[in-house]
């Protein structure tokens, strides 16, 4: 399986970005997908996940109400809409296809 994440960049605090992660090489629809992030000097941490059907989502408390995860089964793609970005959201964001397939990461930098 291959996961290609893109959509990161530099944005001012309060701004928005949408990350995308396209999966290939395996049946996508029956598996949970999610996003994790790793800030400099910190461990990788959970951000959000979405069930295979798209009917169940989970968020870390730090992003709840600001980030929205969604998926498009026809495009084998999962999205992370990030609004009201804060400097503490700066990190490399990784998508994951359960149980253990990771994308290469995309950098998100939020300037204050």
PDB file of N, CA and C in Angstrom:
ATOM      1  N   UNK A   1       0.852  -1.185   0.000  1.00  0.00           N
ATOM      2  CA  UNK A   1       0.000   0.000   0.000  1.00  0.00           C
ATOM      3  C   UNK A   1       0.892   1.241   0.000  1.00  0.00           C
ATOM      4  N   UNK A   2       0.436   2.264  -0.713  1.00  0.00           N
ATOM      5  CA  UNK A   2       1.150   3.536  -0.726  1.00  0.00           C
ATOM      6  C   UNK A   2       0.200   4.658  -0.326  1.00  0.00           C
ATOM      7  N   UNK A   3       0.719   5.556   0.487  1.00  0.00           N
ATOM      8  CA  UNK A   3      -0.043   6.709   0.917  1.00  0.00           C
ATOM      9  C   UNK A   3       0.722   7.963   0.537  1.00  0.00           C
ATOM     10  N   UNK A   4       0.043   8.855  -0.171  1.00  0.00           N
ATOM     11  CA  UNK A   4       0.663  10.099  -0.609  1.00  0.00           C
ATOM     12  C   UNK A   4      -0.079  11.258   0.039  1.00  0.00           C
ATOM     13  N   UNK A   5       0.606  11.943   0.942  1.00  0.00           N
ATOM     14  CA  UNK A   5      -0.001  13.083   1.639  1.00  0.00           C
ATOM     15  C   UNK A   5       0.497  14.380   1.033  1.00  0.00           C
ATOM     16  N   UNK A   6      -0.382  15.353   0.944  1.00  0.00           N
ATOM     17  CA  UNK A   6       0.002  16.664   0.438  1.00  0.00           C
ATOM     18  C   UNK A   6      -0.986  17.703   0.960  1.00  0.00           C
ATOM     19  N   UNK A   7      -0.632  18.960   0.758  1.00  0.00           N
ATOM     20  CA  UNK A   7      -1.491  20.050   1.189  1.00  0.00           C
ATOM     21  C   UNK A   7      -0.915  20.898   2.296  1.00  0.00           C
ATOM     22  N   UNK A   8       0.237  20.497   2.836  1.00  0.00           N
ATOM     23  CA  UNK A   8       0.851  21.294   3.877  1.00  0.00           C
ATOM     24  C   UNK A   8       1.405  22.592   3.331  1.00  0.00           C
ATOM     25  N   UNK A   9       1.878  23.433   4.253  1.00  0.00           N
ATOM     26  CA  UNK A   9       2.451  24.702   3.835  1.00  0.00           C
ATOM     27  C   UNK A   9       2.601  25.642   5.005  1.00  0.00           C
ATOM     28  N   UNK A  10       2.843  26.892   4.675  1.00  0.00           N
ATOM     29  CA  UNK A  10       3.012  27.957   5.663  1.00  0.00           C
ATOM     30  C   UNK A  10       1.744  28.804   5.687  1.00  0.00           C
ATOM     31  N   UNK A  11       1.212  29.010   6.880  1.00  0.00           N
ATOM     32  CA  UNK A  11      -0.013  29.790   7.020  1.00  0.00           C
ATOM     33  C   UNK A  11       0.070  30.614   8.291  1.00  0.00           C
ATOM     34  N   UNK A  12      -0.589  31.743   8.298  1.00  0.00           N
ATOM     35  CA  UNK A  12      -0.622  32.572   9.499  1.00  0.00           C
ATOM     36  C   UNK A  12      -1.604  32.009  10.513  1.00  0.00           C
ATOM     37  N   UNK A  13      -1.362  32.306  11.754  1.00  0.00           N
ATOM     38  CA  UNK A  13      -2.279  31.881  12.805  1.00  0.00           C
ATOM     39  C   UNK A  13      -3.687  32.385  12.495  1.00  0.00           C
ATOM     40  N   UNK A  14      -4.648  31.512  12.715  1.00  0.00           N
ATOM     41  CA  UNK A  14      -6.032  31.830  12.387  1.00  0.00           C
ATOM     42  C   UNK A  14      -6.450  31.388  11.003  1.00  0.00           C
ATOM     43  N   UNK A  15      -5.482  30.993  10.201  1.00  0.00           N
ATOM     44  CA  UNK A  15      -5.774  30.579   8.841  1.00  0.00           C
ATOM     45  C   UNK A  15      -6.188  29.112   8.749  1.00  0.00           C
ATOM     46  N   UNK A  16      -6.326  28.649   7.510  1.00  0.00           N
ATOM     47  CA  UNK A  16      -6.806  27.289   7.252  1.00  0.00           C
ATOM     48  C   UNK A  16      -5.922  26.580   6.230  1.00  0.00           C
ATOM     49  N   UNK A  17      -5.913  25.276   6.331  1.00  0.00           N
ATOM     50  CA  UNK A  17      -5.271  24.420   5.346  1.00  0.00           C
ATOM     51  C   UNK A  17      -6.101  23.143   5.240  1.00  0.00           C
ATOM     52  N   UNK A  18      -6.028  22.501   4.085  1.00  0.00           N
ATOM     53  CA  UNK A  18      -6.645  21.192   3.938  1.00  0.00           C
ATOM     54  C   UNK A  18      -5.598  20.198   3.468  1.00  0.00           C
ATOM     55  N   UNK A  19      -5.405  19.172   4.269  1.00  0.00           N
ATOM     56  CA  UNK A  19      -4.485  18.105   3.909  1.00  0.00           C
ATOM     57  C   UNK A  19      -5.259  16.996   3.211  1.00  0.00           C
ATOM     58  N   UNK A  20      -4.572  16.350   2.272  1.00  0.00           N
ATOM     59  CA  UNK A  20      -5.158  15.213   1.573  1.00  0.00           C
ATOM     60  C   UNK A  20      -4.187  14.050   1.643  1.00  0.00           C
ATOM     61  N   UNK A  21      -4.728  12.857   1.634  1.00  0.00           N
ATOM     62  CA  UNK A  21      -3.898  11.649   1.636  1.00  0.00           C
ATOM     63  C   UNK A  21      -4.572  10.623   0.739  1.00  0.00           C
ATOM     64  N   UNK A  22      -3.911  10.314  -0.365  1.00  0.00           N
ATOM     65  CA  UNK A  22      -4.446   9.359  -1.322  1.00  0.00           C
ATOM     66  C   UNK A  22      -3.802   7.991  -1.104  1.00  0.00           C
ATOM     67  N   UNK A  23      -4.639   6.964  -1.032  1.00  0.00           N
ATOM     68  CA  UNK A  23      -4.169   5.596  -0.801  1.00  0.00           C
ATOM     69  C   UNK A  23      -4.274   4.783  -2.083  1.00  0.00           C
ATOM     70  N   UNK A  24      -3.304   3.907  -2.272  1.00  0.00           N
ATOM     71  CA  UNK A  24      -3.339   3.008  -3.419  1.00  0.00           C
ATOM     72  C   UNK A  24      -2.714   1.682  -3.040  1.00  0.00           C
ATOM     73  N   UNK A  25      -3.063   0.643  -3.753  1.00  0.00           N
ATOM     74  CA  UNK A  25      -2.442  -0.652  -3.543  1.00  0.00           C
ATOM     75  C   UNK A  25      -3.195  -1.584  -2.622  1.00  0.00           C
ATOM     76  N   UNK A  26      -4.293  -1.105  -2.059  1.00  0.00           N
ATOM     77  CA  UNK A  26      -5.063  -1.975  -1.173  1.00  0.00           C
ATOM     78  C   UNK A  26      -6.492  -1.461  -1.109  1.00  0.00           C
ATOM     79  N   UNK A  27      -7.400  -2.372  -0.790  1.00  0.00           N
ATOM     80  CA  UNK A  27      -8.785  -1.955  -0.593  1.00  0.00           C
ATOM     81  C   UNK A  27      -8.840  -0.953   0.538  1.00  0.00           C
ATOM     82  N   UNK A  28      -9.441   0.153   0.263  1.00  0.00           N
ATOM     83  CA  UNK A  28      -9.390   1.305   1.157  1.00  0.00           C
ATOM     84  C   UNK A  28     -10.609   1.392   2.049  1.00  0.00           C
ATOM     85  N   UNK A  29     -11.747   0.966   1.528  1.00  0.00           N
ATOM     86  CA  UNK A  29     -13.005   1.330   2.159  1.00  0.00           C
ATOM     87  C   UNK A  29     -13.267   0.669   3.506  1.00  0.00           C
ATOM     88  N   UNK A  30     -12.669  -0.467   3.771  1.00  0.00           N
ATOM     89  CA  UNK A  30     -13.003  -1.201   4.993  1.00  0.00           C
ATOM     90  C   UNK A  30     -12.093  -0.862   6.165  1.00  0.00           C
ATOM     91  N   UNK A  31     -11.195   0.085   5.970  1.00  0.00           N
ATOM     92  CA  UNK A  31     -10.189   0.340   6.989  1.00  0.00           C
ATOM     93  C   UNK A  31     -10.289   1.760   7.537  1.00  0.00           C
ATOM     94  N   UNK A  32     -10.055   1.853   8.839  1.00  0.00           N
ATOM     95  CA  UNK A  32      -9.955   3.170   9.450  1.00  0.00           C
ATOM     96  C   UNK A  32      -8.743   3.902   8.889  1.00  0.00           C
ATOM     97  N   UNK A  33      -8.872   5.211   8.825  1.00  0.00           N
ATOM     98  CA  UNK A  33      -7.736   6.045   8.442  1.00  0.00           C
ATOM     99  C   UNK A  33      -7.624   7.191   9.431  1.00  0.00           C
ATOM    100  N   UNK A  34      -6.462   7.797   9.468  1.00  0.00           N
ATOM    101  CA  UNK A  34      -6.288   8.870  10.431  1.00  0.00           C
ATOM    102  C   UNK A  34      -5.106   9.748  10.117  1.00  0.00           C
ATOM    103  N   UNK A  35      -4.946  10.736  10.976  1.00  0.00           N
ATOM    104  CA  UNK A  35      -3.831  11.662  10.895  1.00  0.00           C
ATOM    105  C   UNK A  35      -3.139  11.729  12.259  1.00  0.00           C
ATOM    106  N   UNK A  36      -1.837  11.740  12.212  1.00  0.00           N
ATOM    107  CA  UNK A  36      -1.017  11.978  13.375  1.00  0.00           C
ATOM    108  C   UNK A  36      -0.073  13.125  13.032  1.00  0.00           C
ATOM    109  N   UNK A  37       0.575  13.667  14.018  1.00  0.00           N
ATOM    110  CA  UNK A  37       1.539  14.739  13.763  1.00  0.00           C
ATOM    111  C   UNK A  37       2.714  14.638  14.721  1.00  0.00           C
ATOM    112  N   UNK A  38       3.822  15.206  14.274  1.00  0.00           N
ATOM    113  CA  UNK A  38       5.026  15.209  15.088  1.00  0.00           C
ATOM    114  C   UNK A  38       5.680  16.574  15.002  1.00  0.00           C
ATOM    115  N   UNK A  39       5.708  17.247  16.130  1.00  0.00           N
ATOM    116  CA  UNK A  39       6.358  18.551  16.218  1.00  0.00           C
ATOM    117  C   UNK A  39       7.830  18.346  16.545  1.00  0.00           C
ATOM    118  N   UNK A  40       8.677  19.331  16.249  1.00  0.00           N
ATOM    119  CA  UNK A  40      10.107  19.209  16.528  1.00  0.00           C
ATOM    120  C   UNK A  40      10.369  18.903  17.999  1.00  0.00           C
ATOM    121  N   UNK A  41      11.152  17.862  18.245  1.00  0.00           N
ATOM    122  CA  UNK A  41      11.520  17.515  19.604  1.00  0.00           C
ATOM    123  C   UNK A  41      10.446  16.790  20.387  1.00  0.00           C
ATOM    124  N   UNK A  42       9.346  16.458  19.727  1.00  0.00           N
ATOM    125  CA  UNK A  42       8.253  15.789  20.423  1.00  0.00           C
ATOM    126  C   UNK A  42       7.937  14.455  19.751  1.00  0.00           C
ATOM    127  N   UNK A  43       7.211  13.627  20.474  1.00  0.00           N
ATOM    128  CA  UNK A  43       6.800  12.344  19.924  1.00  0.00           C
ATOM    129  C   UNK A  43       5.600  12.542  18.981  1.00  0.00           C
ATOM    130  N   UNK A  44       5.442  11.577  18.086  1.00  0.00           N
ATOM    131  CA  UNK A  44       4.295  11.611  17.202  1.00  0.00           C
ATOM    132  C   UNK A  44       3.016  11.427  18.026  1.00  0.00           C
ATOM    133  N   UNK A  45       1.990  12.197  17.691  1.00  0.00           N
ATOM    134  CA  UNK A  45       0.758  12.138  18.456  1.00  0.00           C
ATOM    135  C   UNK A  45      -0.467  12.030  17.547  1.00  0.00           C
ATOM    136  N   UNK A  46      -1.495  11.438  18.086  1.00  0.00           N
ATOM    137  CA  UNK A  46      -2.758  11.272  17.379  1.00  0.00           C
ATOM    138  C   UNK A  46      -3.439  12.621  17.180  1.00  0.00           C
ATOM    139  N   UNK A  47      -4.036  12.800  15.990  1.00  0.00           N
ATOM    140  CA  UNK A  47      -4.798  14.008  15.705  1.00  0.00           C
ATOM    141  C   UNK A  47      -6.275  13.667  15.493  1.00  0.00           C
ATOM    142  N   UNK A  48      -6.545  12.785  14.535  1.00  0.00           N
ATOM    143  CA  UNK A  48      -7.936  12.459  14.211  1.00  0.00           C
ATOM    144  C   UNK A  48      -7.979  11.133  13.473  1.00  0.00           C
ATOM    145  N   UNK A  49      -9.139  10.473  13.524  1.00  0.00           N
ATOM    146  CA  UNK A  49      -9.334   9.239  12.779  1.00  0.00           C
ATOM    147  C   UNK A  49     -10.771   9.161  12.286  1.00  0.00           C
ATOM    148  N   UNK A  50     -10.958   8.326  11.261  1.00  0.00           N
ATOM    149  CA  UNK A  50     -12.282   8.134  10.688  1.00  0.00           C
ATOM    150  C   UNK A  50     -12.448   6.660  10.366  1.00  0.00           C
ATOM    151  N   UNK A  51     -13.616   6.126  10.636  1.00  0.00           N
ATOM    152  CA  UNK A  51     -13.859   4.706  10.426  1.00  0.00           C
ATOM    153  C   UNK A  51     -13.954   4.382   8.932  1.00  0.00           C
ATOM    154  N   UNK A  52     -13.910   3.093   8.640  1.00  0.00           N
ATOM    155  CA  UNK A  52     -13.967   2.656   7.256  1.00  0.00           C
ATOM    156  C   UNK A  52     -15.216   3.130   6.536  1.00  0.00           C
ATOM    157  N   UNK A  53     -16.310   3.188   7.247  1.00  0.00           N
ATOM    158  CA  UNK A  53     -17.573   3.638   6.648  1.00  0.00           C
ATOM    159  C   UNK A  53     -17.695   5.150   6.630  1.00  0.00           C
ATOM    160  N   UNK A  54     -16.842   5.800   7.386  1.00  0.00           N
ATOM    161  CA  UNK A  54     -16.926   7.253   7.510  1.00  0.00           C
ATOM    162  C   UNK A  54     -17.918   7.706   8.553  1.00  0.00           C
ATOM    163  N   UNK A  55     -18.547   6.748   9.236  1.00  0.00           N
ATOM    164  CA  UNK A  55     -19.594   7.111  10.171  1.00  0.00           C
ATOM    165  C   UNK A  55     -19.120   7.466  11.565  1.00  0.00           C
ATOM    166  N   UNK A  56     -17.876   7.211  11.842  1.00  0.00           N
ATOM    167  CA  UNK A  56     -17.365   7.500  13.183  1.00  0.00           C
ATOM    168  C   UNK A  56     -16.048   8.254  13.071  1.00  0.00           C
ATOM    169  N   UNK A  57     -15.959   9.358  13.768  1.00  0.00           N
ATOM    170  CA  UNK A  57     -14.734  10.151  13.791  1.00  0.00           C
ATOM    171  C   UNK A  57     -14.297  10.375  15.235  1.00  0.00           C
ATOM    172  N   UNK A  58     -12.997  10.507  15.402  1.00  0.00           N
ATOM    173  CA  UNK A  58     -12.414  10.785  16.708  1.00  0.00           C
ATOM    174  C   UNK A  58     -11.400  11.901  16.552  1.00  0.00           C
ATOM    175  N   UNK A  59     -11.300  12.745  17.563  1.00  0.00           N
ATOM    176  CA  UNK A  59     -10.364  13.859  17.521  1.00  0.00           C
ATOM    177  C   UNK A  59      -9.631  13.980  18.850  1.00  0.00           C
ATOM    178  N   UNK A  60      -8.396  14.411  18.761  1.00  0.00           N
ATOM    179  CA  UNK A  60      -7.712  14.813  19.967  1.00  0.00           C
ATOM    180  C   UNK A  60      -8.362  16.089  20.484  1.00  0.00           C
ATOM    181  N   UNK A  61      -8.333  16.243  21.801  1.00  0.00           N
ATOM    182  CA  UNK A  61      -8.980  17.411  22.398  1.00  0.00           C
ATOM    183  C   UNK A  61      -8.392  18.725  21.883  1.00  0.00           C
ATOM    184  N   UNK A  62      -7.127  18.711  21.549  1.00  0.00           N
ATOM    185  CA  UNK A  62      -6.450  19.946  21.138  1.00  0.00           C
ATOM    186  C   UNK A  62      -6.940  20.466  19.786  1.00  0.00           C
ATOM    187  N   UNK A  63      -7.583  19.613  18.989  1.00  0.00           N
ATOM    188  CA  UNK A  63      -8.034  20.042  17.667  1.00  0.00           C
ATOM    189  C   UNK A  63      -9.542  19.988  17.512  1.00  0.00           C
ATOM    190  N   UNK A  64     -10.213  19.461  18.502  1.00  0.00           N
ATOM    191  CA  UNK A  64     -11.662  19.301  18.413  1.00  0.00           C
ATOM    192  C   UNK A  64     -12.326  20.671  18.208  1.00  0.00           C
ATOM    193  N   UNK A  65     -13.225  20.717  17.231  1.00  0.00           N
ATOM    194  CA  UNK A  65     -13.906  21.966  16.919  1.00  0.00           C
ATOM    195  C   UNK A  65     -13.184  22.819  15.901  1.00  0.00           C
ATOM    196  N   UNK A  66     -11.932  22.493  15.619  1.00  0.00           N
ATOM    197  CA  UNK A  66     -11.161  23.259  14.622  1.00  0.00           C
ATOM    198  C   UNK A  66     -10.832  22.414  13.398  1.00  0.00           C
ATOM    199  N   UNK A  67     -10.582  21.136  13.601  1.00  0.00           N
ATOM    200  CA  UNK A  67     -10.214  20.230  12.510  1.00  0.00           C
ATOM    201  C   UNK A  67     -11.384  19.302  12.191  1.00  0.00           C
ATOM    202  N   UNK A  68     -11.489  18.937  10.919  1.00  0.00           N
ATOM    203  CA  UNK A  68     -12.509  17.994  10.479  1.00  0.00           C
ATOM    204  C   UNK A  68     -11.884  16.966   9.552  1.00  0.00           C
ATOM    205  N   UNK A  69     -12.067  15.699   9.896  1.00  0.00           N
ATOM    206  CA  UNK A  69     -11.562  14.622   9.052  1.00  0.00           C
ATOM    207  C   UNK A  69     -12.716  14.065   8.223  1.00  0.00           C
ATOM    208  N   UNK A  70     -12.415  13.735   6.984  1.00  0.00           N
ATOM    209  CA  UNK A  70     -13.432  13.166   6.105  1.00  0.00           C
ATOM    210  C   UNK A  70     -12.742  12.255   5.105  1.00  0.00           C
ATOM    211  N   UNK A  71     -13.537  11.493   4.369  1.00  0.00           N
ATOM    212  CA  UNK A  71     -12.954  10.596   3.377  1.00  0.00           C
ATOM    213  C   UNK A  71     -13.857  10.515   2.164  1.00  0.00           C
ATOM    214  N   UNK A  72     -13.218  10.258   1.023  1.00  0.00           N
ATOM    215  CA  UNK A  72     -13.927  10.082  -0.235  1.00  0.00           C
ATOM    216  C   UNK A  72     -13.542   8.701  -0.756  1.00  0.00           C
ATOM    217  N   UNK A  73     -14.449   7.764  -0.616  1.00  0.00           N
ATOM    218  CA  UNK A  73     -14.138   6.387  -0.995  1.00  0.00           C
ATOM    219  C   UNK A  73     -13.876   6.255  -2.488  1.00  0.00           C
ATOM    220  N   UNK A  74     -14.568   7.040  -3.289  1.00  0.00           N
ATOM    221  CA  UNK A  74     -14.385   6.949  -4.740  1.00  0.00           C
ATOM    222  C   UNK A  74     -12.981   7.365  -5.152  1.00  0.00           C
ATOM    223  N   UNK A  75     -12.393   8.258  -4.376  1.00  0.00           N
ATOM    224  CA  UNK A  75     -11.050   8.751  -4.682  1.00  0.00           C
ATOM    225  C   UNK A  75      -9.984   8.118  -3.802  1.00  0.00           C
ATOM    226  N   UNK A  76     -10.377   7.191  -2.918  1.00  0.00           N
ATOM    227  CA  UNK A  76      -9.424   6.577  -1.988  1.00  0.00           C
ATOM    228  C   UNK A  76      -8.617   7.639  -1.246  1.00  0.00           C
ATOM    229  N   UNK A  77      -9.275   8.662  -0.812  1.00  0.00           N
ATOM    230  CA  UNK A  77      -8.581   9.798  -0.213  1.00  0.00           C
ATOM    231  C   UNK A  77      -9.221  10.186   1.112  1.00  0.00           C
ATOM    232  N   UNK A  78      -8.376  10.536   2.058  1.00  0.00           N
ATOM    233  CA  UNK A  78      -8.833  11.063   3.333  1.00  0.00           C
ATOM    234  C   UNK A  78      -8.343  12.498   3.444  1.00  0.00           C
ATOM    235  N   UNK A  79      -9.151  13.342   4.053  1.00  0.00           N
ATOM    236  CA  UNK A  79      -8.851  14.763   4.158  1.00  0.00           C
ATOM    237  C   UNK A  79      -8.794  15.185   5.618  1.00  0.00           C
ATOM    238  N   UNK A  80      -8.056  16.256   5.860  1.00  0.00           N
ATOM    239  CA  UNK A  80      -8.065  16.898   7.166  1.00  0.00           C
ATOM    240  C   UNK A  80      -8.188  18.394   6.932  1.00  0.00           C
ATOM    241  N   UNK A  81      -9.376  18.919   7.192  1.00  0.00           N
ATOM    242  CA  UNK A  81      -9.600  20.353   7.093  1.00  0.00           C
ATOM    243  C   UNK A  81      -9.207  20.979   8.416  1.00  0.00           C
ATOM    244  N   UNK A  82      -8.268  21.899   8.357  1.00  0.00           N
ATOM    245  CA  UNK A  82      -7.751  22.523   9.565  1.00  0.00           C
ATOM    246  C   UNK A  82      -8.072  24.007   9.538  1.00  0.00           C
ATOM    247  N   UNK A  83      -8.879  24.441  10.482  1.00  0.00           N
ATOM    248  CA  UNK A  83      -9.270  25.842  10.599  1.00  0.00           C
ATOM    249  C   UNK A  83      -8.747  26.422  11.903  1.00  0.00           C
ATOM    250  N   UNK A  84      -8.738  27.727  11.976  1.00  0.00           N
ATOM    251  CA  UNK A  84      -8.293  28.430  13.196  1.00  0.00           C
ATOM    252  C   UNK A  84      -6.951  27.899  13.675  1.00  0.00           C
ATOM    253  N   UNK A  85      -6.023  27.795  12.762  1.00  0.00           N
ATOM    254  CA  UNK A  85      -4.728  27.210  13.083  1.00  0.00           C
ATOM    255  C   UNK A  85      -3.971  28.046  14.095  1.00  0.00           C
ATOM    256  N   UNK A  86      -3.230  27.330  14.946  1.00  0.00           N
ATOM    257  CA  UNK A  86      -2.433  27.951  15.986  1.00  0.00           C
ATOM    258  C   UNK A  86      -0.959  27.575  15.771  1.00  0.00           C
ATOM    259  N   UNK A  87      -0.082  28.346  16.378  1.00  0.00           N
ATOM    260  CA  UNK A  87       1.349  28.057  16.233  1.00  0.00           C
ATOM    261  C   UNK A  87       1.673  26.655  16.754  1.00  0.00           C
ATOM    262  N   UNK A  88       0.947  26.202  17.761  1.00  0.00           N
ATOM    263  CA  UNK A  88       1.204  24.869  18.316  1.00  0.00           C
ATOM    264  C   UNK A  88       0.746  23.740  17.405  1.00  0.00           C
ATOM    265  N   UNK A  89       0.082  24.065  16.301  1.00  0.00           N
ATOM    266  CA  UNK A  89      -0.278  23.057  15.313  1.00  0.00           C
ATOM    267  C   UNK A  89       0.877  22.784  14.349  1.00  0.00           C
ATOM    268  N   UNK A  90       1.931  23.561  14.448  1.00  0.00           N
ATOM    269  CA  UNK A  90       3.091  23.356  13.583  1.00  0.00           C
ATOM    270  C   UNK A  90       3.686  21.971  13.813  1.00  0.00           C
ATOM    271  N   UNK A  91       3.795  21.195  12.748  1.00  0.00           N
ATOM    272  CA  UNK A  91       4.289  19.829  12.853  1.00  0.00           C
ATOM    273  C   UNK A  91       4.331  19.205  11.459  1.00  0.00           C
ATOM    274  N   UNK A  92       4.943  18.043  11.392  1.00  0.00           N
ATOM    275  CA  UNK A  92       4.805  17.215  10.201  1.00  0.00           C
ATOM    276  C   UNK A  92       3.574  16.332  10.424  1.00  0.00           C
ATOM    277  N   UNK A  93       2.681  16.341   9.473  1.00  0.00           N
ATOM    278  CA  UNK A  93       1.431  15.581   9.578  1.00  0.00           C
ATOM    279  C   UNK A  93       1.535  14.323   8.730  1.00  0.00           C
ATOM    280  N   UNK A  94       1.187  13.196   9.347  1.00  0.00           N
ATOM    281  CA  UNK A  94       1.261  11.898   8.695  1.00  0.00           C
ATOM    282  C   UNK A  94      -0.131  11.279   8.630  1.00  0.00           C
ATOM    283  N   UNK A  95      -0.446  10.703   7.495  1.00  0.00           N
ATOM    284  CA  UNK A  95      -1.685   9.943   7.431  1.00  0.00           C
ATOM    285  C   UNK A  95      -1.361   8.470   7.662  1.00  0.00           C
ATOM    286  N   UNK A  96      -2.344   7.749   8.146  1.00  0.00           N
ATOM    287  CA  UNK A  96      -2.186   6.326   8.426  1.00  0.00           C
ATOM    288  C   UNK A  96      -3.413   5.583   7.965  1.00  0.00           C
ATOM    289  N   UNK A  97      -3.158   4.460   7.309  1.00  0.00           N
ATOM    290  CA  UNK A  97      -4.211   3.528   6.928  1.00  0.00           C
ATOM    291  C   UNK A  97      -4.068   2.330   7.858  1.00  0.00           C
ATOM    292  N   UNK A  98      -5.090   2.087   8.648  1.00  0.00           N
ATOM    293  CA  UNK A  98      -5.008   1.021   9.645  1.00  0.00           C
ATOM    294  C   UNK A  98      -4.690  -0.319   8.992  1.00  0.00           C
ATOM    295  N   UNK A  99      -3.896  -1.166   9.671  1.00  0.00           N
ATOM    296  CA  UNK A  99      -3.395  -0.923  11.024  1.00  0.00           C
ATOM    297  C   UNK A  99      -2.079  -0.172  11.105  1.00  0.00           C
ATOM    298  N   UNK A 100      -1.248  -0.226  10.059  1.00  0.00           N
ATOM    299  CA  UNK A 100       0.093   0.310  10.267  1.00  0.00           C
ATOM    300  C   UNK A 100       0.775   0.792   8.998  1.00  0.00           C
ATOM    301  N   UNK A 101       0.021   1.320   8.050  1.00  0.00           N
ATOM    302  CA  UNK A 101       0.607   1.864   6.832  1.00  0.00           C
ATOM    303  C   UNK A 101       0.632   3.381   6.940  1.00  0.00           C
ATOM    304  N   UNK A 102       1.846   3.950   6.863  1.00  0.00           N
ATOM    305  CA  UNK A 102       2.025   5.384   7.053  1.00  0.00           C
ATOM    306  C   UNK A 102       2.401   6.067   5.751  1.00  0.00           C
ATOM    307  N   UNK A 103       1.931   7.298   5.611  1.00  0.00           N
ATOM    308  CA  UNK A 103       2.364   8.136   4.516  1.00  0.00           C
ATOM    309  C   UNK A 103       3.678   8.810   4.873  1.00  0.00           C
ATOM    310  N   UNK A 104       4.216   9.598   3.946  1.00  0.00           N
ATOM    311  CA  UNK A 104       5.540  10.174   4.121  1.00  0.00           C
ATOM    312  C   UNK A 104       5.531  11.465   4.917  1.00  0.00           C
ATOM    313  N   UNK A 105       4.414  12.062   5.179  1.00  0.00           N
ATOM    314  CA  UNK A 105       4.344  13.278   5.964  1.00  0.00           C
ATOM    315  C   UNK A 105       4.331  14.535   5.120  1.00  0.00           C
ATOM    316  N   UNK A 106       3.649  15.546   5.626  1.00  0.00           N
ATOM    317  CA  UNK A 106       3.617  16.849   4.973  1.00  0.00           C
ATOM    318  C   UNK A 106       3.748  17.912   6.064  1.00  0.00           C
ATOM    319  N   UNK A 107       4.588  18.896   5.808  1.00  0.00           N
ATOM    320  CA  UNK A 107       4.910  19.910   6.817  1.00  0.00           C
ATOM    321  C   UNK A 107       3.832  20.982   6.870  1.00  0.00           C
ATOM    322  N   UNK A 108       3.393  21.276   8.079  1.00  0.00           N
ATOM    323  CA  UNK A 108       2.476  22.388   8.330  1.00  0.00           C
ATOM    324  C   UNK A 108       3.180  23.352   9.287  1.00  0.00           C
ATOM    325  N   UNK A 109       3.302  24.599   8.861  1.00  0.00           N
ATOM    326  CA  UNK A 109       3.938  25.613   9.683  1.00  0.00           C
ATOM    327  C   UNK A 109       2.975  26.774   9.866  1.00  0.00           C
ATOM    328  N   UNK A 110       2.695  27.086  11.119  1.00  0.00           N
ATOM    329  CA  UNK A 110       1.770  28.169  11.432  1.00  0.00           C
ATOM    330  C   UNK A 110       2.567  29.289  12.091  1.00  0.00           C
ATOM    331  N   UNK A 111       2.568  30.436  11.458  1.00  0.00           N
ATOM    332  CA  UNK A 111       3.317  31.573  11.984  1.00  0.00           C
ATOM    333  C   UNK A 111       2.404  32.442  12.845  1.00  0.00           C
ATOM    334  N   UNK A 112       2.956  32.901  13.943  1.00  0.00           N
ATOM    335  CA  UNK A 112       2.158  33.713  14.873  1.00  0.00           C
ATOM    336  C   UNK A 112       2.319  35.193  14.574  1.00  0.00           C
TER     337      UNK A 112
END
